[in-house]
Amino acid sequence: MSNDVIRTAARAAHEANRVWCAFSGDHSQVSWDDAPEWQRRSAMTGVQLLASDPDLGDDATHNSWLAEKVAEGWVYGPVKDVVAKTHPCVVPFSALPPHQQFKDTLFRTVVLSILKGMNYVHD
């Protein structure tokens, strides 16, 4: 799978999640174009994970993201703080509030829809 396909799917899923966050009252998410490179890489990692196994559940991308964050020194905190490396989503998927779990459902749905549309994964 080309880097362009991975980036396209990651961008679409990122933007869908950004819109969902704004709808939910979280206006801290920046557009793909304004996102730092680490955030883009994280989304592309999620795309690659789902492309490797489209049957993974909604929790898979969160678990991957969580492992990445913990490895980088992030910890749970009630407020997302990039400098302090705290984030309210540094918890198991099952402990996330429903609107946060839905972000992973949305990410998975967007990514797999794009990959299916481009014939990279099949039903």
Protein backbone atom coordinates (compact mmCIF):
# COMPACT_ATOMS: atom_id res chain seq x y z
CA MET A 1 0.00 0.00 0.00
CA SER A 2 1.41 3.35 -0.96
CA ASN A 3 2.18 6.14 1.45
CA ASP A 4 -0.33 8.32 -0.45
CA VAL A 5 -3.15 5.87 0.27
CA ILE A 6 -2.18 5.64 3.94
CA ARG A 7 -1.98 9.42 4.21
CA THR A 8 -5.33 9.90 2.42
CA ALA A 9 -7.14 7.49 4.75
CA ALA A 10 -5.42 8.99 7.82
CA ARG A 11 -6.34 12.50 6.78
CA ALA A 12 -9.99 11.60 6.21
CA ALA A 13 -10.25 9.79 9.57
CA HIS A 14 -8.48 12.64 11.36
CA GLU A 15 -10.85 15.20 9.90
CA ALA A 16 -13.90 13.08 10.73
CA ASN A 17 -12.70 12.80 14.32
CA ARG A 18 -12.01 16.54 14.45
CA VAL A 19 -15.58 17.26 13.38
CA TRP A 20 -16.92 14.77 15.94
CA CYS A 21 -14.84 16.42 18.67
CA ALA A 22 -16.13 19.87 17.73
CA PHE A 23 -19.70 18.55 17.75
CA SER A 24 -19.00 17.14 21.22
CA GLY A 25 -17.71 20.52 22.45
CA ASP A 26 -13.98 19.77 22.12
CA HIS A 27 -12.51 22.45 19.88
CA SER A 28 -8.89 21.57 20.65
CA GLN A 29 -8.43 19.38 17.58
CA VAL A 30 -6.63 21.10 14.73
CA SER A 31 -7.06 20.37 11.05
CA TRP A 32 -4.84 17.81 9.33
CA ASP A 33 -2.94 20.62 7.64
CA ASP A 34 -2.19 22.24 11.01
CA ALA A 35 -1.57 19.00 12.92
CA PRO A 36 1.96 18.35 14.15
CA GLU A 37 3.83 15.56 12.40
CA TRP A 38 3.62 13.23 15.43
CA GLN A 39 -0.17 13.45 15.28
CA ARG A 40 -0.22 12.67 11.57
CA ARG A 41 2.14 9.73 12.09
CA SER A 42 -0.12 8.39 14.83
CA ALA A 43 -3.14 8.46 12.49
CA MET A 44 -1.12 6.76 9.74
CA THR A 45 -0.09 4.05 12.21
CA GLY A 46 -3.78 3.46 12.89
CA VAL A 47 -4.46 3.14 9.17
CA GLN A 48 -1.64 0.62 8.74
CA LEU A 49 -2.93 -1.39 11.69
CA LEU A 50 -6.43 -1.63 10.23
CA ALA A 51 -5.10 -2.36 6.75
CA SER A 52 -3.10 -5.27 8.17
CA ASP A 53 -6.20 -6.73 9.83
CA PRO A 54 -9.55 -5.19 8.85
CA ASP A 55 -11.35 -7.48 11.32
CA LEU A 56 -9.86 -5.75 14.35
CA GLY A 57 -12.40 -4.22 16.71
CA ASP A 58 -13.00 -0.59 17.50
CA ASP A 59 -10.65 -0.87 20.48
CA ALA A 60 -7.62 -1.80 18.35
CA THR A 61 -6.66 1.70 17.27
CA HIS A 62 -7.10 3.02 20.81
CA ASN A 63 -4.94 0.22 22.20
CA SER A 64 -2.26 0.99 19.62
CA TRP A 65 -2.48 4.73 20.35
CA LEU A 66 -2.36 4.07 24.10
CA ALA A 67 0.75 1.88 23.82
CA GLU A 68 2.43 4.56 21.69
CA LYS A 69 1.58 7.32 24.19
CA VAL A 70 2.72 5.32 27.23
CA ALA A 71 6.00 4.47 25.46
CA GLU A 72 6.51 8.21 24.85
CA GLY A 73 6.00 8.98 28.57
CA TRP A 74 2.38 10.16 28.52
CA VAL A 75 0.23 9.56 31.60
CA TYR A 76 -3.38 10.00 32.55
CA GLY A 77 -4.40 13.54 33.38
CA PRO A 78 -7.81 15.20 33.43
CA VAL A 79 -6.67 17.69 30.77
CA LYS A 80 -4.70 17.12 27.57
CA ASP A 81 -1.37 18.89 27.99
CA VAL A 82 1.26 18.29 25.30
CA VAL A 83 4.06 19.78 27.42
CA ALA A 84 3.23 17.81 30.59
CA LYS A 85 2.30 14.75 28.47
CA THR A 86 -1.03 14.22 30.20
CA HIS A 87 -4.21 13.08 28.47
CA PRO A 88 -7.64 12.04 29.75
CA CYS A 89 -7.74 9.16 27.24
CA VAL A 90 -4.66 7.40 28.61
CA VAL A 91 -6.92 4.66 29.99
CA PRO A 92 -8.10 1.29 28.66
CA PHE A 93 -10.71 1.48 25.89
CA SER A 94 -13.39 0.13 28.23
CA ALA A 95 -12.78 3.06 30.61
CA LEU A 96 -13.30 5.70 27.92
CA PRO A 97 -16.55 7.63 27.94
CA PRO A 98 -18.91 6.59 25.10
CA HIS A 99 -18.22 9.75 23.04
CA GLN A 100 -14.49 8.93 23.15
CA GLN A 101 -15.07 5.29 22.25
CA PHE A 102 -17.08 6.52 19.28
CA LYS A 103 -13.99 8.34 17.95
CA ASP A 104 -12.34 4.94 17.51
CA THR A 105 -15.47 3.55 15.86
CA LEU A 106 -15.53 6.55 13.53
CA PHE A 107 -11.80 6.28 12.76
CA ARG A 108 -12.14 2.56 11.93
CA THR A 109 -15.25 3.11 9.81
CA VAL A 110 -13.72 5.93 7.76
CA VAL A 111 -10.42 4.13 7.23
CA LEU A 112 -11.97 0.83 6.19
CA SER A 113 -14.48 2.58 3.91
CA ILE A 114 -11.68 4.34 2.07
CA LEU A 115 -9.50 1.24 1.86
CA LYS A 116 -12.46 -0.82 0.58
CA GLY A 117 -13.31 1.88 -1.94
CA MET A 118 -9.73 1.74 -3.21
CA ASN A 119 -9.80 -2.10 -3.24
CA TYR A 120 -7.13 -2.50 -0.55
CA VAL A 121 -9.36 -4.52 1.75
CA HIS A 122 -12.37 -6.68 0.97
CA ASP A 123 -15.44 -7.87 2.84
